[in-house]
Amino acid sequence: MAALKVLVVAMGVAILAMIALIGVQLAKRFGGVAAERVLEAQLGLPEGAQILSAVPADGQLALTLRLPDGSTRAAVIDLATGRTLAIVRP
């Protein structure tokens, strides 16, 4: 009879542990915002330059820039490294 009580208690503890594990996994999957890596990059824009638009796509960021002289440029930035991949001049 004592062995049966130990078995019942052990199974109860195992069931509670599994419910807690499932709850933790659900919280990880559906809970709050995951911590994301923040990339800070120095673009080296001249004084007075403006970013007109920014469009992310495929791990890159396409920027449309207006320079102080009034001309426009497009720049493509790699989001993984922060490196400028291309500058397009009209």
PDB file of N, CA and C in Angstrom:
ATOM      1  N   MET A   1       0.816  -1.188   0.000  1.00  0.00           N
ATOM      2  CA  MET A   1       0.000   0.000   0.000  1.00  0.00           C
ATOM      3  C   MET A   1       0.868   1.263   0.000  1.00  0.00           C
ATOM      4  N   ALA A   2       1.968   1.245   0.726  1.00  0.00           N
ATOM      5  CA  ALA A   2       2.873   2.390   0.788  1.00  0.00           C
ATOM      6  C   ALA A   2       3.502   2.649  -0.586  1.00  0.00           C
ATOM      7  N   ALA A   3       3.812   1.582  -1.292  1.00  0.00           N
ATOM      8  CA  ALA A   3       4.406   1.724  -2.623  1.00  0.00           C
ATOM      9  C   ALA A   3       3.413   2.389  -3.588  1.00  0.00           C
ATOM     10  N   LEU A   4       2.136   2.076  -3.430  1.00  0.00           N
ATOM     11  CA  LEU A   4       1.114   2.676  -4.274  1.00  0.00           C
ATOM     12  C   LEU A   4       1.007   4.175  -4.014  1.00  0.00           C
ATOM     13  N   LYS A   5       1.102   4.592  -2.740  1.00  0.00           N
ATOM     14  CA  LYS A   5       1.056   6.014  -2.397  1.00  0.00           C
ATOM     15  C   LYS A   5       2.248   6.752  -3.000  1.00  0.00           C
ATOM     16  N   VAL A   6       3.430   6.163  -2.923  1.00  0.00           N
ATOM     17  CA  VAL A   6       4.625   6.779  -3.498  1.00  0.00           C
ATOM     18  C   VAL A   6       4.475   6.899  -5.010  1.00  0.00           C
ATOM     19  N   LEU A   7       3.946   5.881  -5.651  1.00  0.00           N
ATOM     20  CA  LEU A   7       3.741   5.900  -7.095  1.00  0.00           C
ATOM     21  C   LEU A   7       2.747   6.991  -7.502  1.00  0.00           C
ATOM     22  N   VAL A   8       1.654   7.139  -6.764  1.00  0.00           N
ATOM     23  CA  VAL A   8       0.649   8.151  -7.066  1.00  0.00           C
ATOM     24  C   VAL A   8       1.232   9.554  -6.901  1.00  0.00           C
ATOM     25  N   VAL A   9       1.998   9.778  -5.832  1.00  0.00           N
ATOM     26  CA  VAL A   9       2.608  11.089  -5.603  1.00  0.00           C
ATOM     27  C   VAL A   9       3.634  11.388  -6.696  1.00  0.00           C
ATOM     28  N   ALA A  10       4.435  10.411  -7.068  1.00  0.00           N
ATOM     29  CA  ALA A  10       5.446  10.614  -8.106  1.00  0.00           C
ATOM     30  C   ALA A  10       4.794  10.932  -9.442  1.00  0.00           C
ATOM     31  N   MET A  11       3.714  10.254  -9.772  1.00  0.00           N
ATOM     32  CA  MET A  11       3.016  10.525 -11.017  1.00  0.00           C
ATOM     33  C   MET A  11       2.363  11.907 -10.987  1.00  0.00           C
ATOM     34  N   GLY A  12       1.844  12.321  -9.839  1.00  0.00           N
ATOM     35  CA  GLY A  12       1.268  13.653  -9.705  1.00  0.00           C
ATOM     36  C   GLY A  12       2.313  14.733  -9.918  1.00  0.00           C
ATOM     37  N   VAL A  13       3.488  14.541  -9.343  1.00  0.00           N
ATOM     38  CA  VAL A  13       4.576  15.503  -9.510  1.00  0.00           C
ATOM     39  C   VAL A  13       5.012  15.538 -10.979  1.00  0.00           C
ATOM     40  N   ALA A  14       5.085  14.387 -11.613  1.00  0.00           N
ATOM     41  CA  ALA A  14       5.474  14.337 -13.026  1.00  0.00           C
ATOM     42  C   ALA A  14       4.450  15.063 -13.897  1.00  0.00           C
ATOM     43  N   ILE A  15       3.167  14.881 -13.616  1.00  0.00           N
ATOM     44  CA  ILE A  15       2.127  15.565 -14.388  1.00  0.00           C
ATOM     45  C   ILE A  15       2.233  17.070 -14.200  1.00  0.00           C
ATOM     46  N   LEU A  16       2.427  17.543 -12.971  1.00  0.00           N
ATOM     47  CA  LEU A  16       2.572  18.975 -12.721  1.00  0.00           C
ATOM     48  C   LEU A  16       3.811  19.544 -13.409  1.00  0.00           C
ATOM     49  N   ALA A  17       4.901  18.795 -13.412  1.00  0.00           N
ATOM     50  CA  ALA A  17       6.121  19.252 -14.076  1.00  0.00           C
ATOM     51  C   ALA A  17       5.901  19.372 -15.583  1.00  0.00           C
ATOM     52  N   MET A  18       5.195  18.427 -16.176  1.00  0.00           N
ATOM     53  CA  MET A  18       4.928  18.486 -17.618  1.00  0.00           C
ATOM     54  C   MET A  18       4.005  19.656 -17.962  1.00  0.00           C
ATOM     55  N   ILE A  19       2.996  19.925 -17.118  1.00  0.00           N
ATOM     56  CA  ILE A  19       2.114  21.068 -17.355  1.00  0.00           C
ATOM     57  C   ILE A  19       2.914  22.369 -17.272  1.00  0.00           C
ATOM     58  N   ALA A  20       3.813  22.475 -16.298  1.00  0.00           N
ATOM     59  CA  ALA A  20       4.650  23.668 -16.174  1.00  0.00           C
ATOM     60  C   ALA A  20       5.561  23.819 -17.389  1.00  0.00           C
ATOM     61  N   LEU A  21       6.128  22.733 -17.871  1.00  0.00           N
ATOM     62  CA  LEU A  21       6.997  22.770 -19.047  1.00  0.00           C
ATOM     63  C   LEU A  21       6.222  23.220 -20.287  1.00  0.00           C
ATOM     64  N   ILE A  22       5.023  22.702 -20.463  1.00  0.00           N
ATOM     65  CA  ILE A  22       4.193  23.118 -21.598  1.00  0.00           C
ATOM     66  C   ILE A  22       3.854  24.596 -21.481  1.00  0.00           C
ATOM     67  N   GLY A  23       3.531  25.060 -20.268  1.00  0.00           N
ATOM     68  CA  GLY A  23       3.230  26.481 -20.067  1.00  0.00           C
ATOM     69  C   GLY A  23       4.412  27.376 -20.405  1.00  0.00           C
ATOM     70  N   VAL A  24       5.602  26.975 -20.012  1.00  0.00           N
ATOM     71  CA  VAL A  24       6.805  27.763 -20.305  1.00  0.00           C
ATOM     72  C   VAL A  24       7.048  27.804 -21.809  1.00  0.00           C
ATOM     73  N   GLN A  25       6.885  26.688 -22.480  1.00  0.00           N
ATOM     74  CA  GLN A  25       7.096  26.657 -23.932  1.00  0.00           C
ATOM     75  C   GLN A  25       6.071  27.521 -24.667  1.00  0.00           C
ATOM     76  N   LEU A  26       4.821  27.487 -24.226  1.00  0.00           N
ATOM     77  CA  LEU A  26       3.802  28.332 -24.839  1.00  0.00           C
ATOM     78  C   LEU A  26       4.094  29.808 -24.595  1.00  0.00           C
ATOM     79  N   ALA A  27       4.561  30.142 -23.412  1.00  0.00           N
ATOM     80  CA  ALA A  27       4.896  31.534 -23.107  1.00  0.00           C
ATOM     81  C   ALA A  27       6.057  32.014 -23.970  1.00  0.00           C
ATOM     82  N   LYS A  28       7.039  31.158 -24.195  1.00  0.00           N
ATOM     83  CA  LYS A  28       8.161  31.531 -25.056  1.00  0.00           C
ATOM     84  C   LYS A  28       7.703  31.743 -26.497  1.00  0.00           C
ATOM     85  N   ARG A  29       6.833  30.879 -26.969  1.00  0.00           N
ATOM     86  CA  ARG A  29       6.416  30.927 -28.362  1.00  0.00           C
ATOM     87  C   ARG A  29       5.453  32.075 -28.642  1.00  0.00           C
ATOM     88  N   PHE A  30       4.488  32.293 -27.746  1.00  0.00           N
ATOM     89  CA  PHE A  30       3.436  33.268 -28.020  1.00  0.00           C
ATOM     90  C   PHE A  30       3.507  34.500 -27.136  1.00  0.00           C
ATOM     91  N   GLY A  31       4.384  34.500 -26.177  1.00  0.00           N
ATOM     92  CA  GLY A  31       4.476  35.613 -25.244  1.00  0.00           C
ATOM     93  C   GLY A  31       5.224  36.775 -25.837  1.00  0.00           C
ATOM     94  N   GLY A  32       5.234  37.884 -25.188  1.00  0.00           N
ATOM     95  CA  GLY A  32       5.878  39.154 -25.497  1.00  0.00           C
ATOM     96  C   GLY A  32       6.819  39.195 -26.684  1.00  0.00           C
ATOM     97  N   VAL A  33       7.397  40.317 -26.872  1.00  0.00           N
ATOM     98  CA  VAL A  33       8.303  40.570 -27.982  1.00  0.00           C
ATOM     99  C   VAL A  33       9.666  39.964 -27.656  1.00  0.00           C
ATOM    100  N   ALA A  34      10.179  39.217 -28.573  1.00  0.00           N
ATOM    101  CA  ALA A  34      11.502  38.616 -28.383  1.00  0.00           C
ATOM    102  C   ALA A  34      12.568  39.701 -28.471  1.00  0.00           C
ATOM    103  N   ALA A  35      13.602  39.519 -27.698  1.00  0.00           N
ATOM    104  CA  ALA A  35      14.706  40.478 -27.742  1.00  0.00           C
ATOM    105  C   ALA A  35      15.396  40.356 -29.098  1.00  0.00           C
ATOM    106  N   GLU A  36      15.502  41.464 -29.777  1.00  0.00           N
ATOM    107  CA  GLU A  36      16.141  41.466 -31.083  1.00  0.00           C
ATOM    108  C   GLU A  36      17.446  42.240 -31.013  1.00  0.00           C
ATOM    109  N   ARG A  37      18.351  41.855 -31.876  1.00  0.00           N
ATOM    110  CA  ARG A  37      19.630  42.542 -31.932  1.00  0.00           C
ATOM    111  C   ARG A  37      19.420  43.895 -32.597  1.00  0.00           C
ATOM    112  N   VAL A  38      19.942  44.908 -31.983  1.00  0.00           N
ATOM    113  CA  VAL A  38      19.811  46.256 -32.531  1.00  0.00           C
ATOM    114  C   VAL A  38      21.121  46.622 -33.211  1.00  0.00           C
ATOM    115  N   LEU A  39      21.004  47.072 -34.444  1.00  0.00           N
ATOM    116  CA  LEU A  39      22.187  47.460 -35.204  1.00  0.00           C
ATOM    117  C   LEU A  39      22.243  48.974 -35.284  1.00  0.00           C
ATOM    118  N   GLU A  40      23.354  49.513 -34.906  1.00  0.00           N
ATOM    119  CA  GLU A  40      23.567  50.951 -35.037  1.00  0.00           C
ATOM    120  C   GLU A  40      24.717  51.149 -36.003  1.00  0.00           C
ATOM    121  N   ALA A  41      24.444  51.894 -37.062  1.00  0.00           N
ATOM    122  CA  ALA A  41      25.460  52.095 -38.089  1.00  0.00           C
ATOM    123  C   ALA A  41      25.618  53.584 -38.352  1.00  0.00           C
ATOM    124  N   GLN A  42      26.838  53.993 -38.561  1.00  0.00           N
ATOM    125  CA  GLN A  42      27.136  55.373 -38.940  1.00  0.00           C
ATOM    126  C   GLN A  42      27.144  55.435 -40.458  1.00  0.00           C
ATOM    127  N   LEU A  43      26.212  56.193 -41.023  1.00  0.00           N
ATOM    128  CA  LEU A  43      26.096  56.240 -42.481  1.00  0.00           C
ATOM    129  C   LEU A  43      27.073  57.206 -43.122  1.00  0.00           C
ATOM    130  N   GLY A  44      27.589  58.134 -42.374  1.00  0.00           N
ATOM    131  CA  GLY A  44      28.537  59.085 -42.938  1.00  0.00           C
ATOM    132  C   GLY A  44      27.876  60.065 -43.880  1.00  0.00           C
ATOM    133  N   LEU A  45      26.648  60.461 -43.582  1.00  0.00           N
ATOM    134  CA  LEU A  45      25.960  61.428 -44.429  1.00  0.00           C
ATOM    135  C   LEU A  45      26.512  62.820 -44.178  1.00  0.00           C
ATOM    136  N   PRO A  46      26.560  63.653 -45.207  1.00  0.00           N
ATOM    137  CA  PRO A  46      27.029  65.025 -45.007  1.00  0.00           C
ATOM    138  C   PRO A  46      26.041  65.821 -44.155  1.00  0.00           C
ATOM    139  N   GLU A  47      26.525  66.849 -43.526  1.00  0.00           N
ATOM    140  CA  GLU A  47      25.688  67.722 -42.693  1.00  0.00           C
ATOM    141  C   GLU A  47      24.542  68.281 -43.521  1.00  0.00           C
ATOM    142  N   GLY A  48      23.321  68.152 -43.034  1.00  0.00           N
ATOM    143  CA  GLY A  48      22.156  68.670 -43.733  1.00  0.00           C
ATOM    144  C   GLY A  48      21.475  67.666 -44.645  1.00  0.00           C
ATOM    145  N   ALA A  49      22.012  66.472 -44.779  1.00  0.00           N
ATOM    146  CA  ALA A  49      21.374  65.451 -45.610  1.00  0.00           C
ATOM    147  C   ALA A  49      20.138  64.918 -44.894  1.00  0.00           C
ATOM    148  N   GLN A  50      19.138  64.517 -45.673  1.00  0.00           N
ATOM    149  CA  GLN A  50      17.894  64.004 -45.122  1.00  0.00           C
ATOM    150  C   GLN A  50      17.614  62.613 -45.676  1.00  0.00           C
ATOM    151  N   ILE A  51      17.050  61.760 -44.828  1.00  0.00           N
ATOM    152  CA  ILE A  51      16.580  60.455 -45.277  1.00  0.00           C
ATOM    153  C   ILE A  51      15.120  60.628 -45.650  1.00  0.00           C
ATOM    154  N   LEU A  52      14.802  60.445 -46.929  1.00  0.00           N
ATOM    155  CA  LEU A  52      13.431  60.619 -47.409  1.00  0.00           C
ATOM    156  C   LEU A  52      12.589  59.369 -47.215  1.00  0.00           C
ATOM    157  N   SER A  53      13.193  58.199 -47.398  1.00  0.00           N
ATOM    158  CA  SER A  53      12.465  56.947 -47.199  1.00  0.00           C
ATOM    159  C   SER A  53      13.442  55.844 -46.834  1.00  0.00           C
ATOM    160  N   ALA A  54      12.908  54.837 -46.157  1.00  0.00           N
ATOM    161  CA  ALA A  54      13.685  53.655 -45.788  1.00  0.00           C
ATOM    162  C   ALA A  54      12.803  52.431 -45.992  1.00  0.00           C
ATOM    163  N   VAL A  55      13.277  51.474 -46.793  1.00  0.00           N
ATOM    164  CA  VAL A  55      12.497  50.281 -47.112  1.00  0.00           C
ATOM    165  C   VAL A  55      13.343  49.046 -46.816  1.00  0.00           C
ATOM    166  N   PRO A  56      12.946  48.236 -45.813  1.00  0.00           N
ATOM    167  CA  PRO A  56      13.687  47.007 -45.538  1.00  0.00           C
ATOM    168  C   PRO A  56      13.237  45.875 -46.464  1.00  0.00           C
ATOM    169  N   ALA A  57      14.195  45.052 -46.913  1.00  0.00           N
ATOM    170  CA  ALA A  57      13.876  43.891 -47.749  1.00  0.00           C
ATOM    171  C   ALA A  57      15.070  42.955 -47.799  1.00  0.00           C
ATOM    172  N   ASP A  58      14.823  41.691 -47.562  1.00  0.00           N
ATOM    173  CA  ASP A  58      15.840  40.640 -47.708  1.00  0.00           C
ATOM    174  C   ASP A  58      17.129  40.938 -46.945  1.00  0.00           C
ATOM    175  N   GLY A  59      17.022  41.396 -45.703  1.00  0.00           N
ATOM    176  CA  GLY A  59      18.209  41.652 -44.907  1.00  0.00           C
ATOM    177  C   GLY A  59      18.953  42.908 -45.288  1.00  0.00           C
ATOM    178  N   GLN A  60      18.337  43.736 -46.101  1.00  0.00           N
ATOM    179  CA  GLN A  60      18.953  44.988 -46.527  1.00  0.00           C
ATOM    180  C   GLN A  60      17.988  46.135 -46.286  1.00  0.00           C
ATOM    181  N   LEU A  61      18.516  47.340 -46.277  1.00  0.00           N
ATOM    182  CA  LEU A  61      17.716  48.536 -46.094  1.00  0.00           C
ATOM    183  C   LEU A  61      18.032  49.485 -47.238  1.00  0.00           C
ATOM    184  N   ALA A  62      17.003  49.844 -48.001  1.00  0.00           N
ATOM    185  CA  ALA A  62      17.178  50.787 -49.107  1.00  0.00           C
ATOM    186  C   ALA A  62      16.769  52.171 -48.617  1.00  0.00           C
ATOM    187  N   LEU A  63      17.670  53.121 -48.720  1.00  0.00           N
ATOM    188  CA  LEU A  63      17.422  54.493 -48.277  1.00  0.00           C
ATOM    189  C   LEU A  63      17.381  55.428 -49.477  1.00  0.00           C
ATOM    190  N   THR A  64      16.443  56.358 -49.453  1.00  0.00           N
ATOM    191  CA  THR A  64      16.434  57.446 -50.417  1.00  0.00           C
ATOM    192  C   THR A  64      16.881  58.689 -49.669  1.00  0.00           C
ATOM    193  N   LEU A  65      17.924  59.342 -50.160  1.00  0.00           N
ATOM    194  CA  LEU A  65      18.548  60.465 -49.460  1.00  0.00           C
ATOM    195  C   LEU A  65      18.433  61.741 -50.282  1.00  0.00           C
ATOM    196  N   ARG A  66      18.245  62.850 -49.594  1.00  0.00           N
ATOM    197  CA  ARG A  66      18.344  64.164 -50.242  1.00  0.00           C
ATOM    198  C   ARG A  66      19.560  64.848 -49.638  1.00  0.00           C
ATOM    199  N   LEU A  67      20.511  65.171 -50.489  1.00  0.00           N
ATOM    200  CA  LEU A  67      21.754  65.794 -50.051  1.00  0.00           C
ATOM    201  C   LEU A  67      21.572  67.303 -49.937  1.00  0.00           C
ATOM    202  N   PRO A  68      22.476  67.978 -49.219  1.00  0.00           N
ATOM    203  CA  PRO A  68      22.329  69.428 -49.018  1.00  0.00           C
ATOM    204  C   PRO A  68      22.271  70.236 -50.307  1.00  0.00           C
ATOM    205  N   ASP A  69      22.883  69.737 -51.386  1.00  0.00           N
ATOM    206  CA  ASP A  69      22.850  70.480 -52.649  1.00  0.00           C
ATOM    207  C   ASP A  69      21.535  70.269 -53.415  1.00  0.00           C
ATOM    208  N   GLY A  70      20.604  69.473 -52.857  1.00  0.00           N
ATOM    209  CA  GLY A  70      19.308  69.239 -53.476  1.00  0.00           C
ATOM    210  C   GLY A  70      19.232  67.976 -54.308  1.00  0.00           C
ATOM    211  N   SER A  71      20.356  67.344 -54.564  1.00  0.00           N
ATOM    212  CA  SER A  71      20.343  66.102 -55.348  1.00  0.00           C
ATOM    213  C   SER A  71      19.860  64.937 -54.484  1.00  0.00           C
ATOM    214  N   THR A  72      19.421  63.876 -55.134  1.00  0.00           N
ATOM    215  CA  THR A  72      18.969  62.689 -54.414  1.00  0.00           C
ATOM    216  C   THR A  72      19.878  61.510 -54.729  1.00  0.00           C
ATOM    217  N   ARG A  73      19.965  60.611 -53.784  1.00  0.00           N
ATOM    218  CA  ARG A  73      20.758  59.387 -53.930  1.00  0.00           C
ATOM    219  C   ARG A  73      19.971  58.251 -53.287  1.00  0.00           C
ATOM    220  N   ALA A  74      20.263  57.048 -53.706  1.00  0.00           N
ATOM    221  CA  ALA A  74      19.731  55.846 -53.064  1.00  0.00           C
ATOM    222  C   ALA A  74      20.921  55.075 -52.520  1.00  0.00           C
ATOM    223  N   ALA A  75      20.776  54.559 -51.308  1.00  0.00           N
ATOM    224  CA  ALA A  75      21.834  53.762 -50.694  1.00  0.00           C
ATOM    225  C   ALA A  75      21.233  52.456 -50.213  1.00  0.00           C
ATOM    226  N   VAL A  76      22.004  51.382 -50.333  1.00  0.00           N
ATOM    227  CA  VAL A  76      21.579  50.068 -49.860  1.00  0.00           C
ATOM    228  C   VAL A  76      22.516  49.659 -48.730  1.00  0.00           C
ATOM    229  N   ILE A  77      21.929  49.368 -47.556  1.00  0.00           N
ATOM    230  CA  ILE A  77      22.697  49.027 -46.352  1.00  0.00           C
ATOM    231  C   ILE A  77      22.434  47.564 -46.001  1.00  0.00           C
ATOM    232  N   ASP A  78      23.485  46.824 -45.672  1.00  0.00           N
ATOM    233  CA  ASP A  78      23.345  45.451 -45.189  1.00  0.00           C
ATOM    234  C   ASP A  78      22.981  45.508 -43.711  1.00  0.00           C
ATOM    235  N   LEU A  79      21.814  44.953 -43.334  1.00  0.00           N
ATOM    236  CA  LEU A  79      21.361  45.042 -41.952  1.00  0.00           C
ATOM    237  C   LEU A  79      22.160  44.150 -41.005  1.00  0.00           C
ATOM    238  N   ALA A  80      22.801  43.126 -41.510  1.00  0.00           N
ATOM    239  CA  ALA A  80      23.590  42.242 -40.648  1.00  0.00           C
ATOM    240  C   ALA A  80      24.880  42.910 -40.189  1.00  0.00           C
ATOM    241  N   THR A  81      25.487  43.701 -41.060  1.00  0.00           N
ATOM    242  CA  THR A  81      26.791  44.286 -40.741  1.00  0.00           C
ATOM    243  C   THR A  81      26.760  45.800 -40.607  1.00  0.00           C
ATOM    244  N   GLY A  82      25.742  46.441 -41.185  1.00  0.00           N
ATOM    245  CA  GLY A  82      25.684  47.897 -41.174  1.00  0.00           C
ATOM    246  C   GLY A  82      26.520  48.532 -42.268  1.00  0.00           C
ATOM    247  N   ARG A  83      27.077  47.719 -43.154  1.00  0.00           N
ATOM    248  CA  ARG A  83      27.951  48.200 -44.225  1.00  0.00           C
ATOM    249  C   ARG A  83      27.115  48.691 -45.400  1.00  0.00           C
ATOM    250  N   THR A  84      27.550  49.772 -46.019  1.00  0.00           N
ATOM    251  CA  THR A  84      26.890  50.285 -47.212  1.00  0.00           C
ATOM    252  C   THR A  84      27.277  49.416 -48.398  1.00  0.00           C
ATOM    253  N   LEU A  85      26.286  48.807 -49.036  1.00  0.00           N
ATOM    254  CA  LEU A  85      26.545  47.914 -50.160  1.00  0.00           C
ATOM    255  C   LEU A  85      26.597  48.656 -51.488  1.00  0.00           C
ATOM    256  N   ALA A  86      25.757  49.666 -51.642  1.00  0.00           N
ATOM    257  CA  ALA A  86      25.726  50.377 -52.913  1.00  0.00           C
ATOM    258  C   ALA A  86      25.178  51.779 -52.707  1.00  0.00           C
ATOM    259  N   ILE A  87      25.646  52.695 -53.538  1.00  0.00           N
ATOM    260  CA  ILE A  87      25.093  54.042 -53.612  1.00  0.00           C
ATOM    261  C   ILE A  87      24.716  54.273 -55.064  1.00  0.00           C
ATOM    262  N   VAL A  88      23.465  54.620 -55.292  1.00  0.00           N
ATOM    263  CA  VAL A  88      22.959  54.817 -56.655  1.00  0.00           C
ATOM    264  C   VAL A  88      22.776  56.297 -56.882  1.00  0.00           C
ATOM    265  N   ARG A  89      23.411  56.803 -57.920  1.00  0.00           N
ATOM    266  CA  ARG A  89      23.294  58.213 -58.284  1.00  0.00           C
ATOM    267  C   ARG A  89      22.524  58.294 -59.596  1.00  0.00           C
ATOM    268  N   PRO A  90      21.547  59.217 -59.703  1.00  0.00           N
ATOM    269  CA  PRO A  90      20.798  59.318 -60.958  1.00  0.00           C
ATOM    270  C   PRO A  90      21.657  59.891 -62.068  1.00  0.00           C
TER     271      PRO A  90
END
